[in-house]
C-alpha cells in the first residue's frame, strides 16, 4: 500500500497525464495546465504546475 506522500510523489511525476485525464477541458500553457475548475469546466481559474519542484500542485 502506498503512503500519501508516495502517492503524491507519483502523481507529481505524471502531472501532465493526470491533468489530461481528469481535467481534459484544460490546456498546456508554459509550465502549467490551465482549466476552469475541478469540475473540468473550460476557463482559466485553476492551474497546475507541470514541472519543477511544485509539479502537481
N, C-alpha and C. Protein backbone atom coordinates (compact mmCIF):
# COMPACT_ATOMS: atom_id res chain seq x y z
N UNK A 1 0.84 -1.18 0.00
CA UNK A 1 0.00 0.00 0.00
C UNK A 1 0.88 1.24 0.00
N UNK A 2 0.49 2.25 -0.77
CA UNK A 2 1.25 3.49 -0.86
C UNK A 2 0.88 4.44 0.27
N UNK A 3 1.87 5.14 0.76
CA UNK A 3 1.58 6.20 1.73
C UNK A 3 1.10 7.41 0.95
N UNK A 4 0.49 8.35 1.63
CA UNK A 4 0.01 9.58 0.97
C UNK A 4 1.17 10.32 0.33
N UNK A 5 2.30 10.34 0.98
CA UNK A 5 3.48 11.02 0.46
C UNK A 5 3.98 10.37 -0.83
N UNK A 6 4.05 9.04 -0.83
CA UNK A 6 4.49 8.32 -2.03
C UNK A 6 3.51 8.52 -3.18
N UNK A 7 2.23 8.49 -2.89
CA UNK A 7 1.23 8.71 -3.92
C UNK A 7 1.35 10.11 -4.50
N UNK A 8 1.52 11.11 -3.65
CA UNK A 8 1.69 12.49 -4.12
C UNK A 8 2.91 12.63 -5.01
N UNK A 9 3.99 11.97 -4.64
CA UNK A 9 5.21 12.00 -5.47
C UNK A 9 4.96 11.38 -6.84
N UNK A 10 4.27 10.25 -6.88
CA UNK A 10 3.98 9.59 -8.16
C UNK A 10 3.06 10.43 -9.02
N UNK A 11 2.05 11.04 -8.42
CA UNK A 11 1.15 11.90 -9.19
C UNK A 11 1.88 13.12 -9.73
N UNK A 12 2.79 13.68 -8.95
CA UNK A 12 3.56 14.85 -9.40
C UNK A 12 4.43 14.49 -10.60
N UNK A 13 5.02 13.30 -10.59
CA UNK A 13 5.86 12.88 -11.72
C UNK A 13 5.04 12.73 -12.99
N UNK A 14 3.78 12.39 -12.86
CA UNK A 14 2.89 12.19 -14.00
C UNK A 14 1.81 13.27 -14.07
N UNK A 15 2.15 14.49 -13.65
CA UNK A 15 1.16 15.57 -13.54
C UNK A 15 0.44 15.83 -14.86
N UNK A 16 1.16 15.86 -15.96
CA UNK A 16 0.51 16.13 -17.24
C UNK A 16 -0.50 15.06 -17.59
N UNK A 17 -0.14 13.80 -17.44
CA UNK A 17 -1.07 12.70 -17.75
C UNK A 17 -2.30 12.74 -16.85
N UNK A 18 -2.09 13.04 -15.57
CA UNK A 18 -3.22 13.14 -14.63
C UNK A 18 -4.15 14.27 -15.06
N UNK A 19 -3.57 15.43 -15.41
CA UNK A 19 -4.38 16.57 -15.85
C UNK A 19 -5.12 16.26 -17.15
N UNK A 20 -4.44 15.65 -18.10
CA UNK A 20 -5.09 15.32 -19.37
C UNK A 20 -6.28 14.37 -19.15
N UNK A 21 -6.17 13.48 -18.19
CA UNK A 21 -7.24 12.53 -17.92
C UNK A 21 -8.40 13.17 -17.15
N UNK A 22 -8.09 13.80 -16.04
CA UNK A 22 -9.13 14.32 -15.14
C UNK A 22 -9.57 15.75 -15.45
N UNK A 23 -8.73 16.52 -16.10
CA UNK A 23 -9.04 17.92 -16.42
C UNK A 23 -8.89 18.13 -17.93
N UNK A 24 -9.56 17.30 -18.69
CA UNK A 24 -9.39 17.27 -20.15
C UNK A 24 -9.84 18.54 -20.86
N UNK A 25 -10.64 19.38 -20.21
CA UNK A 25 -11.07 20.64 -20.82
C UNK A 25 -9.97 21.69 -20.77
N UNK A 26 -8.89 21.37 -20.08
CA UNK A 26 -7.80 22.33 -19.92
C UNK A 26 -6.82 22.28 -21.06
N UNK A 27 -5.75 23.07 -20.89
CA UNK A 27 -4.72 23.13 -21.93
C UNK A 27 -3.38 23.42 -21.29
N UNK A 28 -2.33 23.06 -22.01
CA UNK A 28 -0.96 23.32 -21.61
C UNK A 28 -0.66 24.79 -21.89
N UNK A 29 -0.07 25.49 -20.94
CA UNK A 29 0.33 26.89 -21.13
C UNK A 29 1.61 27.12 -20.34
N UNK A 30 2.74 27.13 -21.02
CA UNK A 30 4.02 27.28 -20.33
C UNK A 30 4.29 26.08 -19.45
N UNK A 31 4.50 26.32 -18.17
CA UNK A 31 4.75 25.23 -17.21
C UNK A 31 3.50 24.81 -16.47
N UNK A 32 2.33 25.22 -16.95
CA UNK A 32 1.07 24.99 -16.25
C UNK A 32 0.06 24.26 -17.12
N UNK A 33 -0.87 23.59 -16.45
CA UNK A 33 -2.08 23.09 -17.08
C UNK A 33 -3.18 24.01 -16.57
N UNK A 34 -3.92 24.65 -17.46
CA UNK A 34 -4.93 25.64 -17.08
C UNK A 34 -6.31 25.12 -17.46
N UNK A 35 -7.23 25.22 -16.51
CA UNK A 35 -8.61 24.77 -16.71
C UNK A 35 -9.51 25.65 -15.84
N UNK A 36 -10.80 25.60 -16.06
CA UNK A 36 -11.72 26.47 -15.32
C UNK A 36 -11.84 26.14 -13.84
N UNK A 37 -12.04 24.86 -13.53
CA UNK A 37 -12.20 24.45 -12.13
C UNK A 37 -12.06 22.94 -12.01
N UNK A 38 -12.18 22.43 -10.80
CA UNK A 38 -12.01 20.99 -10.58
C UNK A 38 -13.14 20.16 -11.17
N UNK A 39 -14.23 20.82 -11.58
CA UNK A 39 -15.34 20.12 -12.25
C UNK A 39 -15.07 20.00 -13.75
N UNK A 40 -13.87 20.40 -14.19
CA UNK A 40 -13.41 20.30 -15.58
C UNK A 40 -14.14 21.27 -16.50
N UNK A 41 -14.54 22.42 -15.98
CA UNK A 41 -15.15 23.45 -16.81
C UNK A 41 -14.07 24.17 -17.59
N UNK A 42 -14.44 24.69 -18.75
CA UNK A 42 -13.49 25.48 -19.52
C UNK A 42 -13.27 26.81 -18.80
N UNK A 43 -12.08 27.33 -18.91
CA UNK A 43 -11.76 28.60 -18.28
C UNK A 43 -10.29 28.67 -17.91
N UNK A 44 -9.97 29.64 -17.06
CA UNK A 44 -8.58 29.88 -16.70
C UNK A 44 -8.40 30.13 -15.21
N UNK A 45 -9.30 29.64 -14.39
CA UNK A 45 -9.24 29.92 -12.96
C UNK A 45 -8.33 28.98 -12.17
N UNK A 46 -8.13 27.78 -12.67
CA UNK A 46 -7.35 26.77 -11.96
C UNK A 46 -6.12 26.42 -12.79
N UNK A 47 -4.98 26.36 -12.15
CA UNK A 47 -3.77 25.93 -12.86
C UNK A 47 -3.01 24.94 -12.00
N UNK A 48 -2.30 24.05 -12.68
CA UNK A 48 -1.50 23.02 -12.04
C UNK A 48 -0.09 23.11 -12.61
N UNK A 49 0.91 23.19 -11.75
CA UNK A 49 2.29 23.16 -12.22
C UNK A 49 2.58 21.79 -12.80
N UNK A 50 3.23 21.77 -13.97
CA UNK A 50 3.54 20.50 -14.61
C UNK A 50 4.99 20.10 -14.46
N UNK A 51 5.84 21.03 -14.06
CA UNK A 51 7.25 20.69 -13.94
C UNK A 51 7.87 21.46 -12.78
N UNK A 52 9.06 21.07 -12.43
CA UNK A 52 9.78 21.74 -11.34
C UNK A 52 9.38 21.20 -9.98
N UNK A 53 9.87 21.84 -8.93
CA UNK A 53 9.63 21.34 -7.57
C UNK A 53 8.17 21.43 -7.13
N UNK A 54 7.37 22.21 -7.81
CA UNK A 54 5.94 22.34 -7.45
C UNK A 54 5.03 21.54 -8.36
N UNK A 55 5.59 20.65 -9.16
CA UNK A 55 4.80 19.86 -10.10
C UNK A 55 3.64 19.16 -9.38
N UNK A 56 2.47 19.24 -10.00
CA UNK A 56 1.29 18.59 -9.45
C UNK A 56 0.53 19.45 -8.45
N UNK A 57 1.03 20.61 -8.15
CA UNK A 57 0.36 21.48 -7.17
C UNK A 57 -0.31 22.64 -7.86
